[in-house]
Protein backbone atom coordinates (compact mmCIF):
# COMPACT_ATOMS: atom_id res chain seq x y z
CA MET A 1 13.09 -6.15 -41.50
CA MET A 2 14.92 -2.95 -40.89
CA GLY A 3 17.19 -1.95 -43.79
CA GLU A 4 16.79 -5.36 -45.40
CA GLU A 5 19.02 -6.07 -48.37
CA ARG A 6 17.89 -8.49 -51.07
CA TYR A 7 19.61 -11.86 -50.97
CA ARG A 8 18.33 -15.20 -52.13
CA ALA A 9 17.83 -17.97 -49.60
CA PHE A 10 19.79 -21.17 -50.04
CA ALA A 11 19.49 -24.61 -48.55
CA GLY A 12 21.75 -27.50 -47.73
CA ARG A 13 22.64 -30.30 -45.38
CA VAL A 14 24.53 -29.60 -42.15
CA VAL A 15 27.92 -31.31 -42.14
CA GLU A 16 30.72 -31.51 -39.61
CA GLY A 17 33.27 -28.69 -39.65
CA LYS A 18 36.36 -27.81 -37.60
CA GLN A 19 34.21 -27.14 -34.50
CA LEU A 20 36.12 -23.92 -33.81
CA GLY A 21 32.86 -22.03 -33.32
CA ARG A 22 31.77 -24.54 -30.70
CA ARG A 23 35.07 -24.10 -28.83
CA LEU A 24 34.54 -20.31 -28.86
CA GLY A 25 30.96 -20.60 -27.59
CA PHE A 26 29.38 -19.93 -31.00
CA PRO A 27 28.54 -23.34 -32.48
CA THR A 28 27.81 -23.19 -36.20
CA ALA A 29 25.95 -25.30 -38.71
CA ASN A 30 28.33 -25.89 -41.63
CA ILE A 31 26.11 -25.99 -44.68
CA GLU A 32 26.88 -28.09 -47.72
CA THR A 33 25.05 -26.57 -50.68
CA ALA A 34 25.18 -26.37 -54.45
CA ASP A 35 23.21 -23.10 -54.43
CA ALA A 36 24.90 -19.85 -55.43
CA VAL A 37 25.82 -17.83 -52.36
CA PRO A 38 26.58 -14.13 -51.87
CA GLU A 39 30.06 -12.65 -51.51
CA ARG A 40 32.39 -13.68 -48.70
CA GLY A 41 31.87 -12.06 -45.35
CA VAL A 42 29.66 -12.03 -42.27
CA TYR A 43 25.89 -11.55 -42.51
CA ALA A 44 22.88 -11.17 -40.27
CA ALA A 45 20.50 -13.87 -41.49
CA VAL A 46 17.26 -15.76 -41.02
CA ALA A 47 17.70 -19.52 -40.71
CA VAL A 48 15.08 -22.26 -40.82
CA ALA A 49 15.56 -25.71 -39.31
CA ASP A 50 12.85 -28.29 -38.68
CA GLY A 51 10.16 -25.73 -39.54
CA ARG A 52 11.33 -23.13 -36.99
CA ARG A 53 12.82 -19.73 -37.84
CA TYR A 54 15.86 -18.31 -36.05
CA ARG A 55 17.94 -15.18 -36.18
CA ALA A 56 21.45 -16.13 -37.25
CA VAL A 57 24.95 -14.86 -37.94
CA MET A 58 26.41 -16.42 -41.05
CA ASN A 59 29.97 -16.50 -42.37
CA ILE A 60 30.88 -17.29 -45.94
CA GLY A 61 34.56 -17.67 -46.61
CA ARG A 62 37.98 -18.90 -45.60
CA HIS A 63 37.91 -17.92 -41.88
CA PRO A 64 41.36 -16.24 -42.01
CA THR A 65 42.01 -16.36 -38.24
CA ALA A 66 41.98 -20.19 -38.37
CA PRO A 67 42.44 -20.91 -42.10
CA GLU A 68 42.82 -24.70 -42.11
CA GLY A 69 40.49 -26.42 -44.54
CA PRO A 70 38.40 -25.25 -47.47
CA PRO A 71 36.07 -22.22 -47.48
CA THR A 72 32.81 -22.80 -45.64
CA ILE A 73 29.29 -21.51 -45.32
CA GLU A 74 28.37 -21.61 -41.65
CA ALA A 75 25.59 -20.14 -39.55
CA HIS A 76 25.31 -19.61 -35.81
CA PHE A 77 21.61 -19.93 -34.92
CA LEU A 78 20.79 -17.47 -32.15
CA ASP A 79 18.72 -18.85 -29.26
CA PHE A 80 19.09 -22.44 -30.50
CA THR A 81 20.28 -25.49 -28.63
CA GLY A 82 20.42 -28.92 -30.18
CA ASP A 83 22.10 -30.94 -32.89
CA LEU A 84 21.60 -30.12 -36.57
CA TYR A 85 24.07 -32.60 -38.10
CA GLY A 86 22.48 -34.22 -41.14
CA HIS A 87 19.45 -31.89 -41.07
CA GLU A 88 18.44 -29.78 -44.05
CA VAL A 89 18.48 -26.06 -43.24
CA THR A 90 17.67 -22.93 -45.20
CA VAL A 91 19.49 -19.65 -44.65
CA ARG A 92 18.69 -16.23 -46.08
CA PRO A 93 21.22 -13.47 -45.58
CA VAL A 94 19.47 -10.26 -44.56
CA ARG A 95 22.25 -7.72 -44.10
CA PHE A 96 25.98 -7.73 -44.83
CA LEU A 97 27.71 -6.99 -41.52
CA ARG A 98 31.39 -6.99 -42.39
CA ALA A 99 34.16 -8.42 -44.53
CA GLU A 100 36.23 -11.33 -43.31
CA VAL A 101 39.06 -10.17 -41.09
CA LYS A 102 42.11 -11.93 -39.69
CA PHE A 103 42.08 -11.31 -35.95
CA ASP A 104 45.22 -11.29 -33.80
CA SER A 105 43.81 -13.97 -31.49
CA LEU A 106 40.85 -16.27 -30.98
CA GLU A 107 39.81 -14.05 -28.05
CA ALA A 108 39.64 -11.04 -30.39
CA LEU A 109 37.55 -13.13 -32.81
CA LYS A 110 35.24 -14.19 -29.98
CA ALA A 111 34.74 -10.54 -28.94
CA GLN A 112 33.82 -9.61 -32.52
CA LEU A 113 31.40 -12.55 -32.76
CA GLN A 114 29.62 -11.22 -29.68
CA LYS A 115 29.23 -7.86 -31.46
CA ASP A 116 28.06 -9.59 -34.66
CA CYS A 117 25.38 -11.48 -32.69
CA ALA A 118 24.17 -8.28 -31.02
CA ARG A 119 23.89 -6.55 -34.43
CA ALA A 120 22.02 -9.52 -35.91
CA ARG A 121 19.55 -9.48 -33.01
CA ALA A 122 18.89 -5.78 -33.65
CA LEU A 123 18.59 -6.13 -37.45
CA VAL A 124 16.62 -9.35 -37.92
CA THR A 125 12.96 -9.65 -37.01
CA LEU A 126 11.15 -12.94 -37.30
């Protein structure tokens, strides 16, 4: 993987979140885990669900644009359709993309998520 940083993979069960990502067109798997995770921010990642590998964009943190609720670990699986609730998934951050940022609007957040997905596609090889 191009410019790969060294992060440990972690695993957990997918639980229900705020479903903000789904409303923005970027559904995420909210991962409940006891594993140690890297610093807060947005990462390009490799995710595994049901034995299949996916490119992913992962956020760890408080999601400052819509801060209700506790901090989360959530991953948007690129090129995935389906339901992961209750499934065990594994995610390995590959490259730190950016720090968490409070956007002026949900539309501005959505535009940045599109850029994050494009970067993850370019950085992560399966």
